[in-house]
PDB file of N, CA and C in Angstrom:
ATOM      1  N   MET A   1    -102.429 -78.171-207.006  1.00  0.00           N
ATOM      2  CA  MET A   1    -102.483 -77.318-208.173  1.00  0.00           C
ATOM      3  C   MET A   1    -103.788 -76.514-208.196  1.00  0.00           C
ATOM      4  N   TYR A   2    -104.885 -77.205-207.880  1.00  0.00           N
ATOM      5  CA  TYR A   2    -106.185 -76.531-207.883  1.00  0.00           C
ATOM      6  C   TYR A   2    -106.185 -75.352-206.918  1.00  0.00           C
ATOM      7  N   ILE A   3    -105.649 -75.571-205.734  1.00  0.00           N
ATOM      8  CA  ILE A   3    -105.633 -74.499-204.738  1.00  0.00           C
ATOM      9  C   ILE A   3    -104.724 -73.352-205.187  1.00  0.00           C
ATOM     10  N   TYR A   4    -103.648 -73.666-205.887  1.00  0.00           N
ATOM     11  CA  TYR A   4    -102.768 -72.622-206.433  1.00  0.00           C
ATOM     12  C   TYR A   4    -103.520 -71.802-207.474  1.00  0.00           C
ATOM     13  N   VAL A   5    -104.223 -72.465-208.373  1.00  0.00           N
ATOM     14  CA  VAL A   5    -104.972 -71.773-209.423  1.00  0.00           C
ATOM     15  C   VAL A   5    -106.058 -70.892-208.806  1.00  0.00           C
ATOM     16  N   ARG A   6    -106.662 -71.354-207.730  1.00  0.00           N
ATOM     17  CA  ARG A   6    -107.721 -70.581-207.055  1.00  0.00           C
ATOM     18  C   ARG A   6    -107.163 -69.473-206.166  1.00  0.00           C
ATOM     19  N   GLY A   7    -105.836 -69.391-206.062  1.00  0.00           N
ATOM     20  CA  GLY A   7    -105.222 -68.317-205.281  1.00  0.00           C
ATOM     21  C   GLY A   7    -104.987 -68.649-203.824  1.00  0.00           C
ATOM     22  N   GLY A   8    -105.152 -69.897-203.440  1.00  0.00           N
ATOM     23  CA  GLY A   8    -104.971 -70.292-202.053  1.00  0.00           C
ATOM     24  C   GLY A   8    -103.518 -70.411-201.632  1.00  0.00           C
ATOM     25  N   LEU A   9    -102.634 -70.702-202.581  1.00  0.00           N
ATOM     26  CA  LEU A   9    -101.207 -70.802-202.308  1.00  0.00           C
ATOM     27  C   LEU A   9    -100.446 -69.992-203.346  1.00  0.00           C
ATOM     28  N   LYS A  10     -99.345 -69.385-202.920  1.00  0.00           N
ATOM     29  CA  LYS A  10     -98.451 -68.715-203.853  1.00  0.00           C
ATOM     30  C   LYS A  10     -97.658 -69.783-204.593  1.00  0.00           C
ATOM     31  N   PHE A  11     -97.019 -69.386-205.705  1.00  0.00           N
ATOM     32  CA  PHE A  11     -96.290 -70.358-206.498  1.00  0.00           C
ATOM     33  C   PHE A  11     -95.198 -71.055-205.696  1.00  0.00           C
ATOM     34  N   ASP A  12     -94.422 -70.291-204.930  1.00  0.00           N
ATOM     35  CA  ASP A  12     -93.334 -70.911-204.161  1.00  0.00           C
ATOM     36  C   ASP A  12     -93.884 -71.843-203.080  1.00  0.00           C
ATOM     37  N   GLU A  13     -95.045 -71.528-202.505  1.00  0.00           N
ATOM     38  CA  GLU A  13     -95.672 -72.402-201.517  1.00  0.00           C
ATOM     39  C   GLU A  13     -96.174 -73.688-202.170  1.00  0.00           C
ATOM     40  N   MET A  14     -96.802 -73.537-203.332  1.00  0.00           N
ATOM     41  CA  MET A  14     -97.309 -74.702-204.051  1.00  0.00           C
ATOM     42  C   MET A  14     -96.166 -75.603-204.489  1.00  0.00           C
ATOM     43  N   SER A  15     -95.104 -75.018-205.028  1.00  0.00           N
ATOM     44  CA  SER A  15     -93.988 -75.840-205.498  1.00  0.00           C
ATOM     45  C   SER A  15     -93.283 -76.544-204.337  1.00  0.00           C
ATOM     46  N   THR A  16     -93.194 -75.888-203.188  1.00  0.00           N
ATOM     47  CA  THR A  16     -92.603 -76.537-202.011  1.00  0.00           C
ATOM     48  C   THR A  16     -93.489 -77.680-201.522  1.00  0.00           C
ATOM     49  N   ALA A  17     -94.796 -77.460-201.489  1.00  0.00           N
ATOM     50  CA  ALA A  17     -95.725 -78.517-201.066  1.00  0.00           C
ATOM     51  C   ALA A  17     -95.639 -79.717-202.002  1.00  0.00           C
ATOM     52  N   VAL A  18     -95.588 -79.459-203.300  1.00  0.00           N
ATOM     53  CA  VAL A  18     -95.468 -80.550-204.273  1.00  0.00           C
ATOM     54  C   VAL A  18     -94.132 -81.267-204.085  1.00  0.00           C
ATOM     55  N   ALA A  19     -93.066 -80.502-203.853  1.00  0.00           N
ATOM     56  CA  ALA A  19     -91.742 -81.103-203.649  1.00  0.00           C
ATOM     57  C   ALA A  19     -91.706 -81.973-202.396  1.00  0.00           C
ATOM     58  N   LEU A  20     -92.525 -81.667-201.405  1.00  0.00           N
ATOM     59  CA  LEU A  20     -92.604 -82.497-200.205  1.00  0.00           C
ATOM     60  C   LEU A  20     -93.451 -83.746-200.431  1.00  0.00           C
ATOM     61  N   LEU A  21     -94.494 -83.641-201.231  1.00  0.00           N
ATOM     62  CA  LEU A  21     -95.430 -84.750-201.417  1.00  0.00           C
ATOM     63  C   LEU A  21     -94.983 -85.769-202.457  1.00  0.00           C
ATOM     64  N   VAL A  22     -94.397 -85.324-203.537  1.00  0.00           N
ATOM     65  CA  VAL A  22     -94.072 -86.219-204.651  1.00  0.00           C
ATOM     66  C   VAL A  22     -93.100 -87.341-204.270  1.00  0.00           C
ATOM     67  N   PRO A  23     -92.020 -87.084-203.542  1.00  0.00           N
ATOM     68  CA  PRO A  23     -91.108 -88.193-203.225  1.00  0.00           C
ATOM     69  C   PRO A  23     -91.773 -89.332-202.444  1.00  0.00           C
ATOM     70  N   MET A  24     -92.652 -88.996-201.518  1.00  0.00           N
ATOM     71  CA  MET A  24     -93.317 -90.032-200.732  1.00  0.00           C
ATOM     72  C   MET A  24     -94.234 -90.877-201.612  1.00  0.00           C
ATOM     73  N   PHE A  25     -94.983 -90.233-202.489  1.00  0.00           N
ATOM     74  CA  PHE A  25     -95.840 -90.987-203.395  1.00  0.00           C
ATOM     75  C   PHE A  25     -95.003 -91.812-204.376  1.00  0.00           C
ATOM     76  N   ALA A  26     -93.850 -91.294-204.765  1.00  0.00           N
ATOM     77  CA  ALA A  26     -92.961 -92.033-205.672  1.00  0.00           C
ATOM     78  C   ALA A  26     -92.447 -93.304-205.014  1.00  0.00           C
ATOM     79  N   VAL A  27     -92.133 -93.244-203.733  1.00  0.00           N
ATOM     80  CA  VAL A  27     -91.659 -94.434-203.013  1.00  0.00           C
ATOM     81  C   VAL A  27     -92.733 -95.515-203.020  1.00  0.00           C
ATOM     82  N   HIS A  28     -93.964 -95.140-202.723  1.00  0.00           N
ATOM     83  CA  HIS A  28     -95.052 -96.122-202.678  1.00  0.00           C
ATOM     84  C   HIS A  28     -95.371 -96.655-204.078  1.00  0.00           C
ATOM     85  N   THR A  29     -95.358 -95.788-205.068  1.00  0.00           N
ATOM     86  CA  THR A  29     -95.605 -96.217-206.442  1.00  0.00           C
ATOM     87  C   THR A  29     -94.517 -97.165-206.916  1.00  0.00           C
ATOM     88  N   THR A  30     -93.285 -96.914-206.518  1.00  0.00           N
ATOM     89  CA  THR A  30     -92.167 -97.782-206.894  1.00  0.00           C
ATOM     90  C   THR A  30     -92.380 -99.201-206.389  1.00  0.00           C
ATOM     91  N   THR A  31     -92.910 -99.352-205.191  1.00  0.00           N
ATOM     92  CA  THR A  31     -93.196-100.681-204.642  1.00  0.00           C
ATOM     93  C   THR A  31     -94.170-101.435-205.542  1.00  0.00           C
ATOM     94  N   VAL A  32     -95.199-100.762-205.994  1.00  0.00           N
ATOM     95  CA  VAL A  32     -96.213-101.388-206.848  1.00  0.00           C
ATOM     96  C   VAL A  32     -95.602-101.751-208.205  1.00  0.00           C
ATOM     97  N   VAL A  33     -94.859-100.819-208.799  1.00  0.00           N
ATOM     98  CA  VAL A  33     -94.250-101.062-210.103  1.00  0.00           C
ATOM     99  C   VAL A  33     -93.241-102.208-210.026  1.00  0.00           C
ATOM    100  N   LYS A  34     -92.432-102.238-208.965  1.00  0.00           N
ATOM    101  CA  LYS A  34     -91.469-103.327-208.788  1.00  0.00           C
ATOM    102  C   LYS A  34     -92.168-104.678-208.715  1.00  0.00           C
ATOM    103  N   PHE A  35     -93.308-104.725-208.045  1.00  0.00           N
ATOM    104  CA  PHE A  35     -94.075-105.965-207.951  1.00  0.00           C
ATOM    105  C   PHE A  35     -94.485-106.454-209.334  1.00  0.00           C
ATOM    106  N   PHE A  36     -95.054-105.563-210.139  1.00  0.00           N
ATOM    107  CA  PHE A  36     -95.513-105.971-211.461  1.00  0.00           C
ATOM    108  C   PHE A  36     -94.359-106.358-212.382  1.00  0.00           C
ATOM    109  N   ILE A  37     -93.236-105.693-212.260  1.00  0.00           N
ATOM    110  CA  ILE A  37     -92.065-106.064-213.063  1.00  0.00           C
ATOM    111  C   ILE A  37     -91.526-107.418-212.630  1.00  0.00           C
ATOM    112  N   ALA A  38     -91.408-107.636-211.323  1.00  0.00           N
ATOM    113  CA  ALA A  38     -90.877-108.900-210.807  1.00  0.00           C
ATOM    114  C   ALA A  38     -91.807-110.075-211.077  1.00  0.00           C
ATOM    115  N   ASN A  39     -93.086-109.819-211.236  1.00  0.00           N
ATOM    116  CA  ASN A  39     -94.070-110.891-211.405  1.00  0.00           C
ATOM    117  C   ASN A  39     -94.732-110.870-212.780  1.00  0.00           C
ATOM    118  N   LYS A  40     -94.014-110.418-213.776  1.00  0.00           N
ATOM    119  CA  LYS A  40     -94.615-110.290-215.106  1.00  0.00           C
ATOM    120  C   LYS A  40     -95.023-111.634-215.713  1.00  0.00           C
ATOM    121  N   HIS A  41     -94.421-112.736-215.258  1.00  0.00           N
ATOM    122  CA  HIS A  41     -94.759-114.046-215.801  1.00  0.00           C
ATOM    123  C   HIS A  41     -95.431-114.953-214.775  1.00  0.00           C
ATOM    124  N   LEU A  42     -95.762-114.425-213.619  1.00  0.00           N
ATOM    125  CA  LEU A  42     -96.351-115.242-212.560  1.00  0.00           C
ATOM    126  C   LEU A  42     -97.869-115.119-212.557  1.00  0.00           C
ATOM    127  N   THR A  43     -98.511-116.181-212.134  1.00  0.00           N
ATOM    128  CA  THR A  43     -99.957-116.164-211.952  1.00  0.00           C
ATOM    129  C   THR A  43    -100.233-116.225-210.454  1.00  0.00           C
ATOM    130  N   ILE A  44    -100.991-115.277-209.968  1.00  0.00           N
ATOM    131  CA  ILE A  44    -101.341-115.219-208.557  1.00  0.00           C
ATOM    132  C   ILE A  44    -102.759-115.779-208.418  1.00  0.00           C
ATOM    133  N   PRO A  45    -102.984-116.675-207.478  1.00  0.00           N
ATOM    134  CA  PRO A  45    -104.342-117.204-207.291  1.00  0.00           C
ATOM    135  C   PRO A  45    -105.337-116.072-207.015  1.00  0.00           C
ATOM    136  N   ARG A  46    -106.517-116.199-207.567  1.00  0.00           N
ATOM    137  CA  ARG A  46    -107.528-115.152-207.419  1.00  0.00           C
ATOM    138  C   ARG A  46    -108.035-115.018-205.986  1.00  0.00           C
ATOM    139  N   LYS A  47    -108.185-116.111-205.296  1.00  0.00           N
ATOM    140  CA  LYS A  47    -108.747-116.046-203.950  1.00  0.00           C
ATOM    141  C   LYS A  47    -107.686-116.369-202.912  1.00  0.00           C
ATOM    142  N   VAL A  48    -107.201-115.320-202.293  1.00  0.00           N
ATOM    143  CA  VAL A  48    -106.286-115.465-201.166  1.00  0.00           C
ATOM    144  C   VAL A  48    -106.986-114.773-199.999  1.00  0.00           C
ATOM    145  N   PRO A  49    -107.481-115.535-199.034  1.00  0.00           N
ATOM    146  CA  PRO A  49    -108.277-114.940-197.964  1.00  0.00           C
ATOM    147  C   PRO A  49    -107.454-114.005-197.069  1.00  0.00           C
ATOM    148  N   VAL A  50    -108.073-112.903-196.718  1.00  0.00           N
ATOM    149  CA  VAL A  50    -107.496-111.965-195.755  1.00  0.00           C
ATOM    150  C   VAL A  50    -108.578-111.633-194.729  1.00  0.00           C
ATOM    151  N   THR A  51    -108.149-111.152-193.584  1.00  0.00           N
ATOM    152  CA  THR A  51    -109.115-110.850-192.528  1.00  0.00           C
ATOM    153  C   THR A  51    -109.870-109.558-192.839  1.00  0.00           C
ATOM    154  N   LYS A  52    -111.021-109.419-192.216  1.00  0.00           N
ATOM    155  CA  LYS A  52    -111.801-108.191-192.361  1.00  0.00           C
ATOM    156  C   LYS A  52    -111.037-107.004-191.789  1.00  0.00           C
ATOM    157  N   THR A  53    -110.270-107.245-190.747  1.00  0.00           N
ATOM    158  CA  THR A  53    -109.465-106.179-190.146  1.00  0.00           C
ATOM    159  C   THR A  53    -108.433-105.675-191.147  1.00  0.00           C
ATOM    160  N   PHE A  54    -107.780-106.583-191.855  1.00  0.00           N
ATOM    161  CA  PHE A  54    -106.804-106.192-192.869  1.00  0.00           C
ATOM    162  C   PHE A  54    -107.463-105.364-193.966  1.00  0.00           C
ATOM    163  N   VAL A  55    -108.616-105.826-194.434  1.00  0.00           N
ATOM    164  CA  VAL A  55    -109.344-105.099-195.479  1.00  0.00           C
ATOM    165  C   VAL A  55    -109.701-103.697-194.989  1.00  0.00           C
ATOM    166  N   PHE A  56    -110.247-103.617-193.784  1.00  0.00           N
ATOM    167  CA  PHE A  56    -110.633-102.317-193.223  1.00  0.00           C
ATOM    168  C   PHE A  56    -109.429-101.387-193.125  1.00  0.00           C
ATOM    169  N   LEU A  57    -108.346-101.875-192.525  1.00  0.00           N
ATOM    170  CA  LEU A  57    -107.167-101.030-192.334  1.00  0.00           C
ATOM    171  C   LEU A  57    -106.504-100.651-193.647  1.00  0.00           C
ATOM    172  N   SER A  58    -106.562-101.537-194.641  1.00  0.00           N
ATOM    173  CA  SER A  58    -105.934-101.218-195.926  1.00  0.00           C
ATOM    174  C   SER A  58    -106.673-100.096-196.657  1.00  0.00           C
ATOM    175  N   PHE A  59    -107.918 -99.872-196.312  1.00  0.00           N
ATOM    176  CA  PHE A  59    -108.653 -98.721-196.847  1.00  0.00           C
ATOM    177  C   PHE A  59    -108.608 -97.537-195.883  1.00  0.00           C
ATOM    178  N   PHE A  60    -108.673 -97.821-194.587  1.00  0.00           N
ATOM    179  CA  PHE A  60    -108.749 -96.779-193.569  1.00  0.00           C
ATOM    180  C   PHE A  60    -107.511 -95.865-193.572  1.00  0.00           C
ATOM    181  N   PHE A  61    -106.318 -96.453-193.504  1.00  0.00           N
ATOM    182  CA  PHE A  61    -105.106 -95.629-193.434  1.00  0.00           C
ATOM    183  C   PHE A  61    -104.924 -94.721-194.656  1.00  0.00           C
ATOM    184  N   PRO A  62    -105.060 -95.212-195.880  1.00  0.00           N
ATOM    185  CA  PRO A  62    -104.912 -94.296-197.015  1.00  0.00           C
ATOM    186  C   PRO A  62    -105.964 -93.187-197.048  1.00  0.00           C
ATOM    187  N   VAL A  63    -107.210 -93.521-196.700  1.00  0.00           N
ATOM    188  CA  VAL A  63    -108.263 -92.499-196.708  1.00  0.00           C
ATOM    189  C   VAL A  63    -107.979 -91.430-195.654  1.00  0.00           C
ATOM    190  N   ILE A  64    -107.636 -91.843-194.440  1.00  0.00           N
ATOM    191  CA  ILE A  64    -107.323 -90.878-193.376  1.00  0.00           C
ATOM    192  C   ILE A  64    -106.093 -90.055-193.746  1.00  0.00           C
ATOM    193  N   PHE A  65    -105.107 -90.710-194.366  1.00  0.00           N
ATOM    194  CA  PHE A  65    -103.892 -90.018-194.793  1.00  0.00           C
ATOM    195  C   PHE A  65    -104.208 -88.912-195.799  1.00  0.00           C
ATOM    196  N   VAL A  66    -104.965 -89.239-196.828  1.00  0.00           N
ATOM    197  CA  VAL A  66    -105.321 -88.244-197.843  1.00  0.00           C
ATOM    198  C   VAL A  66    -106.148 -87.121-197.226  1.00  0.00           C
ATOM    199  N   LEU A  67    -107.104 -87.468-196.362  1.00  0.00           N
ATOM    200  CA  LEU A  67    -107.915 -86.442-195.703  1.00  0.00           C
ATOM    201  C   LEU A  67    -107.061 -85.528-194.823  1.00  0.00           C
ATOM    202  N   ALA A  68    -106.088 -86.096-194.116  1.00  0.00           N
ATOM    203  CA  ALA A  68    -105.201 -85.292-193.273  1.00  0.00           C
ATOM    204  C   ALA A  68    -104.357 -84.341-194.122  1.00  0.00           C
ATOM    205  N   LEU A  69    -103.836 -84.833-195.250  1.00  0.00           N
ATOM    206  CA  LEU A  69    -103.068 -83.958-196.149  1.00  0.00           C
ATOM    207  C   LEU A  69    -103.946 -82.842-196.698  1.00  0.00           C
ATOM    208  N   LEU A  70    -105.142 -83.198-197.149  1.00  0.00           N
ATOM    209  CA  LEU A  70    -106.058 -82.181-197.670  1.00  0.00           C
ATOM    210  C   LEU A  70    -106.431 -81.160-196.604  1.00  0.00           C
ATOM    211  N   CYS A  71    -106.615 -81.626-195.384  1.00  0.00           N
ATOM    212  CA  CYS A  71    -106.951 -80.730-194.283  1.00  0.00           C
ATOM    213  C   CYS A  71    -105.836 -79.716-194.041  1.00  0.00           C
ATOM    214  N   VAL A  72    -104.605 -80.183-193.985  1.00  0.00           N
ATOM    215  CA  VAL A  72    -103.469 -79.280-193.762  1.00  0.00           C
ATOM    216  C   VAL A  72    -103.368 -78.272-194.905  1.00  0.00           C
ATOM    217  N   ILE A  73    -103.519 -78.740-196.136  1.00  0.00           N
ATOM    218  CA  ILE A  73    -103.430 -77.845-197.296  1.00  0.00           C
ATOM    219  C   ILE A  73    -104.570 -76.836-197.294  1.00  0.00           C
ATOM    220  N   GLU A  74    -105.770 -77.288-197.002  1.00  0.00           N
ATOM    221  CA  GLU A  74    -106.926 -76.378-196.954  1.00  0.00           C
ATOM    222  C   GLU A  74    -106.780 -75.342-195.840  1.00  0.00           C
ATOM    223  N   LEU A  75    -106.293 -75.768-194.680  1.00  0.00           N
ATOM    224  CA  LEU A  75    -106.095 -74.824-193.576  1.00  0.00           C
ATOM    225  C   LEU A  75    -105.127 -73.712-193.973  1.00  0.00           C
ATOM    226  N   LYS A  76    -104.100 -74.056-194.708  1.00  0.00           N
ATOM    227  CA  LYS A  76    -103.143 -73.054-195.177  1.00  0.00           C
ATOM    228  C   LYS A  76    -103.767 -72.189-196.262  1.00  0.00           C
ATOM    229  N   ALA A  77    -104.425 -72.824-197.208  1.00  0.00           N
ATOM    230  CA  ALA A  77    -104.975 -72.106-198.356  1.00  0.00           C
ATOM    231  C   ALA A  77    -106.008 -71.060-197.949  1.00  0.00           C
ATOM    232  N   TYR A  78    -106.801 -71.373-196.946  1.00  0.00           N
ATOM    233  CA  TYR A  78    -107.852 -70.447-196.534  1.00  0.00           C
ATOM    234  C   TYR A  78    -107.456 -69.592-195.339  1.00  0.00           C
ATOM    235  N   GLY A  79    -106.185 -69.659-194.949  1.00  0.00           N
ATOM    236  CA  GLY A  79    -105.676 -68.800-193.891  1.00  0.00           C
ATOM    237  C   GLY A  79    -106.234 -69.075-192.516  1.00  0.00           C
ATOM    238  N   VAL A  80    -106.705 -70.282-192.275  1.00  0.00           N
ATOM    239  CA  VAL A  80    -107.304 -70.640-190.995  1.00  0.00           C
ATOM    240  C   VAL A  80    -106.229 -70.952-189.961  1.00  0.00           C
ATOM    241  N   ALA A  81    -105.113 -71.507-190.405  1.00  0.00           N
ATOM    242  CA  ALA A  81    -104.041 -71.910-189.493  1.00  0.00           C
ATOM    243  C   ALA A  81    -102.695 -71.545-190.102  1.00  0.00           C
ATOM    244  N   PHE A  82    -101.657 -71.715-189.326  1.00  0.00           N
ATOM    245  CA  PHE A  82    -100.278 -71.525-189.740  1.00  0.00           C
ATOM    246  C   PHE A  82     -99.919 -70.048-189.916  1.00  0.00           C
ATOM    247  N   ALA A  83     -99.207 -69.541-188.927  1.00  0.00           N
ATOM    248  CA  ALA A  83     -98.772 -68.144-188.949  1.00  0.00           C
ATOM    249  C   ALA A  83     -97.702 -67.913-190.012  1.00  0.00           C
ATOM    250  N   SER A  84     -96.968 -68.961-190.356  1.00  0.00           N
ATOM    251  CA  SER A  84     -95.923 -68.828-191.376  1.00  0.00           C
ATOM    252  C   SER A  84     -95.956 -70.038-192.306  1.00  0.00           C
ATOM    253  N   PHE A  85     -95.306 -69.870-193.451  1.00  0.00           N
ATOM    254  CA  PHE A  85     -95.231 -70.987-194.383  1.00  0.00           C
ATOM    255  C   PHE A  85     -94.416 -72.123-193.788  1.00  0.00           C
ATOM    256  N   ASN A  86     -93.433 -71.806-192.957  1.00  0.00           N
ATOM    257  CA  ASN A  86     -92.615 -72.837-192.317  1.00  0.00           C
ATOM    258  C   ASN A  86     -93.477 -73.749-191.439  1.00  0.00           C
ATOM    259  N   GLU A  87     -94.444 -73.187-190.717  1.00  0.00           N
ATOM    260  CA  GLU A  87     -95.358 -74.003-189.910  1.00  0.00           C
ATOM    261  C   GLU A  87     -96.161 -74.966-190.792  1.00  0.00           C
ATOM    262  N   PHE A  88     -96.610 -74.474-191.934  1.00  0.00           N
ATOM    263  CA  PHE A  88     -97.346 -75.314-192.888  1.00  0.00           C
ATOM    264  C   PHE A  88     -96.452 -76.445-193.385  1.00  0.00           C
ATOM    265  N   ARG A  89     -95.237 -76.109-193.771  1.00  0.00           N
ATOM    266  CA  ARG A  89     -94.289 -77.096-194.288  1.00  0.00           C
ATOM    267  C   ARG A  89     -94.003 -78.182-193.259  1.00  0.00           C
ATOM    268  N   VAL A  90     -93.784 -77.769-192.013  1.00  0.00           N
ATOM    269  CA  VAL A  90     -93.523 -78.730-190.935  1.00  0.00           C
ATOM    270  C   VAL A  90     -94.754 -79.608-190.697  1.00  0.00           C
ATOM    271  N   SER A  91     -95.933 -79.015-190.706  1.00  0.00           N
ATOM    272  CA  SER A  91     -97.171 -79.780-190.502  1.00  0.00           C
ATOM    273  C   SER A  91     -97.378 -80.801-191.613  1.00  0.00           C
ATOM    274  N   LEU A  92     -97.114 -80.412-192.839  1.00  0.00           N
ATOM    275  CA  LEU A  92     -97.219 -81.329-193.960  1.00  0.00           C
ATOM    276  C   LEU A  92     -96.242 -82.488-193.787  1.00  0.00           C
ATOM    277  N   GLY A  93     -95.037 -82.196-193.368  1.00  0.00           N
ATOM    278  CA  GLY A  93     -94.036 -83.235-193.117  1.00  0.00           C
ATOM    279  C   GLY A  93     -94.434 -84.164-191.980  1.00  0.00           C
ATOM    280  N   LEU A  94     -95.032 -83.607-190.932  1.00  0.00           N
ATOM    281  CA  LEU A  94     -95.473 -84.438-189.804  1.00  0.00           C
ATOM    282  C   LEU A  94     -96.582 -85.405-190.209  1.00  0.00           C
ATOM    283  N   VAL A  95     -97.527 -84.921-190.997  1.00  0.00           N
ATOM    284  CA  VAL A  95     -98.605 -85.799-191.459  1.00  0.00           C
ATOM    285  C   VAL A  95     -98.021 -86.928-192.299  1.00  0.00           C
ATOM    286  N   GLN A  96     -97.102 -86.590-193.192  1.00  0.00           N
ATOM    287  CA  GLN A  96     -96.465 -87.619-194.019  1.00  0.00           C
ATOM    288  C   GLN A  96     -95.729 -88.635-193.158  1.00  0.00           C
ATOM    289  N   THR A  97     -94.979 -88.151-192.193  1.00  0.00           N
ATOM    290  CA  THR A  97     -94.199 -89.031-191.336  1.00  0.00           C
ATOM    291  C   THR A  97     -95.100 -89.951-190.528  1.00  0.00           C
ATOM    292  N   CYS A  98     -96.179 -89.409-189.990  1.00  0.00           N
ATOM    293  CA  CYS A  98     -97.090 -90.213-189.168  1.00  0.00           C
ATOM    294  C   CYS A  98     -97.703 -91.368-189.951  1.00  0.00           C
ATOM    295  N   PHE A  99     -98.021 -91.143-191.209  1.00  0.00           N
ATOM    296  CA  PHE A  99     -98.728 -92.157-191.980  1.00  0.00           C
ATOM    297  C   PHE A  99     -97.837 -92.976-192.913  1.00  0.00           C
ATOM    298  N   ALA A 100     -96.661 -92.478-193.263  1.00  0.00           N
ATOM    299  CA  ALA A 100     -95.825 -93.130-194.276  1.00  0.00           C
ATOM    300  C   ALA A 100     -95.486 -94.568-193.913  1.00  0.00           C
ATOM    301  N   VAL A 101     -95.159 -94.826-192.675  1.00  0.00           N
ATOM    302  CA  VAL A 101     -94.791 -96.172-192.259  1.00  0.00           C
ATOM    303  C   VAL A 101     -95.966 -97.129-192.438  1.00  0.00           C
ATOM    304  N   TYR A 102     -97.152 -96.724-191.993  1.00  0.00           N
ATOM    305  CA  TYR A 102     -98.320 -97.596-192.079  1.00  0.00           C
ATOM    306  C   TYR A 102     -98.745 -97.815-193.524  1.00  0.00           C
ATOM    307  N   ILE A 103     -98.755 -96.758-194.303  1.00  0.00           N
ATOM    308  CA  ILE A 103     -99.108 -96.878-195.714  1.00  0.00           C
ATOM    309  C   ILE A 103     -98.095 -97.793-196.408  1.00  0.00           C
ATOM    310  N   GLY A 104     -96.826 -97.599-196.108  1.00  0.00           N
ATOM    311  CA  GLY A 104     -95.778 -98.430-196.697  1.00  0.00           C
ATOM    312  C   GLY A 104     -95.930 -99.897-196.355  1.00  0.00           C
ATOM    313  N   LEU A 105     -96.276-100.187-195.099  1.00  0.00           N
ATOM    314  CA  LEU A 105     -96.477-101.579-194.691  1.00  0.00           C
ATOM    315  C   LEU A 105     -97.622-102.232-195.461  1.00  0.00           C
ATOM    316  N   PHE A 106     -98.717-101.508-195.614  1.00  0.00           N
ATOM    317  CA  PHE A 106     -99.854-102.076-196.331  1.00  0.00           C
ATOM    318  C   PHE A 106     -99.562-102.231-197.810  1.00  0.00           C
ATOM    319  N   ILE A 107     -98.921-101.255-198.414  1.00  0.00           N
ATOM    320  CA  ILE A 107     -98.586-101.362-199.839  1.00  0.00           C
ATOM    321  C   ILE A 107     -97.626-102.522-200.053  1.00  0.00           C
ATOM    322  N   SER A 108     -96.632-102.641-199.189  1.00  0.00           N
ATOM    323  CA  SER A 108     -95.686-103.753-199.309  1.00  0.00           C
ATOM    324  C   SER A 108     -96.384-105.099-199.159  1.00  0.00           C
ATOM    325  N   SER A 109     -97.309-105.204-198.197  1.00  0.00           N
ATOM    326  CA  SER A 109     -97.992-106.482-197.995  1.00  0.00           C
ATOM    327  C   SER A 109     -98.936-106.817-199.146  1.00  0.00           C
ATOM    328  N   LEU A 110     -99.499-105.821-199.764  1.00  0.00           N
ATOM    329  CA  LEU A 110    -100.399-106.068-200.895  1.00  0.00           C
ATOM    330  C   LEU A 110     -99.625-106.449-202.152  1.00  0.00           C
ATOM    331  N   TYR A 111     -98.415-105.925-202.278  1.00  0.00           N
ATOM    332  CA  TYR A 111     -97.642-106.145-203.500  1.00  0.00           C
ATOM    333  C   TYR A 111     -96.345-106.890-203.255  1.00  0.00           C
ATOM    334  N   GLU A 112     -96.335-107.780-202.280  1.00  0.00           N
ATOM    335  CA  GLU A 112     -95.130-108.579-202.038  1.00  0.00           C
ATOM    336  C   GLU A 112     -95.133-109.775-202.982  1.00  0.00           C
ATOM    337  N   ASN A 113     -93.958-110.271-203.262  1.00  0.00           N
ATOM    338  CA  ASN A 113     -93.817-111.451-204.113  1.00  0.00           C
ATOM    339  C   ASN A 113     -94.082-112.687-203.258  1.00  0.00           C
ATOM    340  N   ARG A 114     -95.155-113.401-203.554  1.00  0.00           N
ATOM    341  CA  ARG A 114     -95.540-114.575-202.768  1.00  0.00           C
ATOM    342  C   ARG A 114     -94.959-115.872-203.331  1.00  0.00           C
ATOM    343  N   GLY A 115     -94.228-115.786-204.423  1.00  0.00           N
ATOM    344  CA  GLY A 115     -93.576-116.967-204.958  1.00  0.00           C
ATOM    345  C   GLY A 115     -94.498-117.902-205.733  1.00  0.00           C
ATOM    346  N   HIS A 116     -95.672-117.461-206.150  1.00  0.00           N
ATOM    347  CA  HIS A 116     -96.554-118.303-206.955  1.00  0.00           C
ATOM    348  C   HIS A 116     -96.055-118.305-208.397  1.00  0.00           C
ATOM    349  N   SER A 117     -96.160-119.408-209.032  1.00  0.00           N
ATOM    350  CA  SER A 117     -95.723-119.474-210.427  1.00  0.00           C
ATOM    351  C   SER A 117     -96.805-120.125-211.278  1.00  0.00           C
ATOM    352  N   GLU A 118     -96.585-120.047-212.609  1.00  0.00           N
ATOM    353  CA  GLU A 118     -97.554-120.610-213.558  1.00  0.00           C
ATOM    354  C   GLU A 118     -97.602-122.110-213.484  1.00  0.00           C
TER     355      GLU A 118
END
């Protein structure tokens, strides 16, 4: 939206980009919401040890994913790359596809039902 307001994207380009991004974020958000609904009466132990590698990767993939999306959007907005809007759209889809599986795995593992009860 910010880039649209600043004139970096036309309205149809911005709306297409949003239409590509929102469903993927909705899928990941749904996983989190489902967890909280399914576990509304459960108590999860505060200390469940995880490896340093898991902690690192659970932050690394989302940060790289967001940076990659911002990079593609900025490249389009400032006219640095993409000869056509179709190239931008495909690039945005490729970035989503490359990271969606990994992000989904981490979100699912963080918000899975472990069967703990009160």
